[in-house]
Amino acid sequence: MTGNPNIRMRLAAKLKPDASLLLYAGPPFLFGWLGTGVIVPVLWWAALALGALFSEHRPSPDYDELKYRPIAFAIALIAFVAIYYVARWVSPN
């Protein structure tokens, strides 16, 4: 790959996962690996959803929060439960 190394570094920086992935997806995986009940990742989702709901950040004025936030919360809940069950499936317990 012969190209500008600066472009390669910027591309790698865009593709590099950050610590928020571990914070959001790590605990549901850990809960599934340890074999806790499915209510634990749901409670984790509720805690993160409440934090997002009551955060100080507000998007642009033309962003319809009543339309998009419930969709985002539902997708997050489905993802957390799916990650939980994948971890249950791959765990040795």
Protein backbone atom coordinates (compact mmCIF):
# COMPACT_ATOMS: atom_id res chain seq x y z
CA MET A 1 0.00 0.00 0.00
CA THR A 2 1.88 2.97 -1.27
CA GLY A 3 0.13 6.17 -0.41
CA ASN A 4 0.27 9.12 1.80
CA PRO A 5 0.96 7.89 5.36
CA ASN A 6 -1.02 10.83 6.72
CA ILE A 7 -4.17 9.57 4.95
CA ARG A 8 -3.61 6.07 6.33
CA MET A 9 -3.25 7.43 9.87
CA ARG A 10 -6.46 9.47 9.57
CA LEU A 11 -8.32 6.44 8.25
CA ALA A 12 -7.01 4.29 11.11
CA ALA A 13 -8.08 6.93 13.62
CA LYS A 14 -11.61 6.89 12.19
CA LEU A 15 -11.84 3.11 12.32
CA LYS A 16 -10.35 2.73 15.80
CA PRO A 17 -13.00 1.88 18.42
CA ASP A 18 -13.11 4.07 21.47
CA ALA A 19 -13.68 3.36 25.14
CA SER A 20 -17.41 4.04 24.90
CA LEU A 21 -17.88 0.73 23.11
CA LEU A 22 -16.49 -1.06 26.17
CA LEU A 23 -18.72 1.01 28.45
CA TYR A 24 -21.91 0.35 26.50
CA ALA A 25 -21.50 -3.15 25.10
CA GLY A 26 -19.05 -4.60 27.61
CA PRO A 27 -21.35 -5.00 30.62
CA PRO A 28 -24.15 -6.84 28.73
CA PHE A 29 -21.52 -9.23 27.38
CA LEU A 30 -20.07 -9.69 30.87
CA PHE A 31 -23.53 -10.27 32.37
CA GLY A 32 -24.22 -12.94 29.76
CA TRP A 33 -20.81 -14.53 30.26
CA LEU A 34 -21.36 -14.75 34.01
CA GLY A 35 -24.84 -16.17 33.56
CA THR A 36 -26.87 -13.51 35.35
CA GLY A 37 -30.52 -13.09 34.53
CA VAL A 38 -31.66 -11.14 31.48
CA ILE A 39 -33.05 -8.44 33.77
CA VAL A 40 -29.50 -7.24 34.55
CA PRO A 41 -28.74 -5.97 31.00
CA VAL A 42 -32.23 -4.47 30.89
CA LEU A 43 -31.44 -2.56 34.08
CA TRP A 44 -28.11 -1.48 32.56
CA TRP A 45 -30.02 -0.23 29.51
CA ALA A 46 -32.46 1.66 31.75
CA ALA A 47 -29.61 3.36 33.60
CA LEU A 48 -27.95 4.45 30.35
CA ALA A 49 -31.29 5.55 28.87
CA LEU A 50 -32.06 7.69 31.89
CA GLY A 51 -28.60 9.21 31.70
CA ALA A 52 -29.15 10.04 28.03
CA LEU A 53 -32.62 11.38 28.67
CA PHE A 54 -31.58 13.73 31.45
CA SER A 55 -28.27 14.81 29.92
CA GLU A 56 -27.59 18.46 29.28
CA HIS A 57 -26.85 17.89 25.59
CA ARG A 58 -29.63 18.98 23.28
CA PRO A 59 -29.35 18.46 19.52
CA SER A 60 -30.21 21.07 16.93
CA PRO A 61 -33.64 22.73 17.17
CA ASP A 62 -34.98 20.92 14.09
CA TYR A 63 -34.23 17.49 15.63
CA ASP A 64 -37.47 15.78 16.66
CA GLU A 65 -36.59 14.19 20.01
CA LEU A 66 -40.03 12.67 20.55
CA LYS A 67 -39.64 10.77 17.30
CA TYR A 68 -36.01 9.63 17.37
CA ARG A 69 -35.14 9.03 21.03
CA PRO A 70 -37.62 6.15 21.53
CA ILE A 71 -36.31 4.53 18.36
CA ALA A 72 -32.72 4.83 19.61
CA PHE A 73 -33.69 3.48 23.03
CA ALA A 74 -35.47 0.49 21.45
CA ILE A 75 -32.49 -0.29 19.22
CA ALA A 76 -30.17 -0.10 22.23
CA LEU A 77 -32.41 -2.44 24.25
CA ILE A 78 -32.53 -4.99 21.43
CA ALA A 79 -28.76 -4.77 20.98
CA PHE A 80 -28.08 -5.20 24.70
CA VAL A 81 -30.31 -8.26 24.97
CA ALA A 82 -28.78 -9.72 21.79
CA ILE A 83 -25.25 -9.17 23.13
CA TYR A 84 -26.32 -10.80 26.40
CA TYR A 85 -27.62 -13.92 24.64
CA VAL A 86 -24.55 -14.17 22.39
CA ALA A 87 -22.37 -14.11 25.48
CA ARG A 88 -24.55 -16.77 27.13
CA TRP A 89 -24.18 -18.89 24.02
CA VAL A 90 -20.38 -18.65 23.83
CA SER A 91 -19.69 -18.87 27.58
CA PRO A 92 -18.29 -22.14 28.91
CA ASN A 93 -20.78 -22.23 31.80
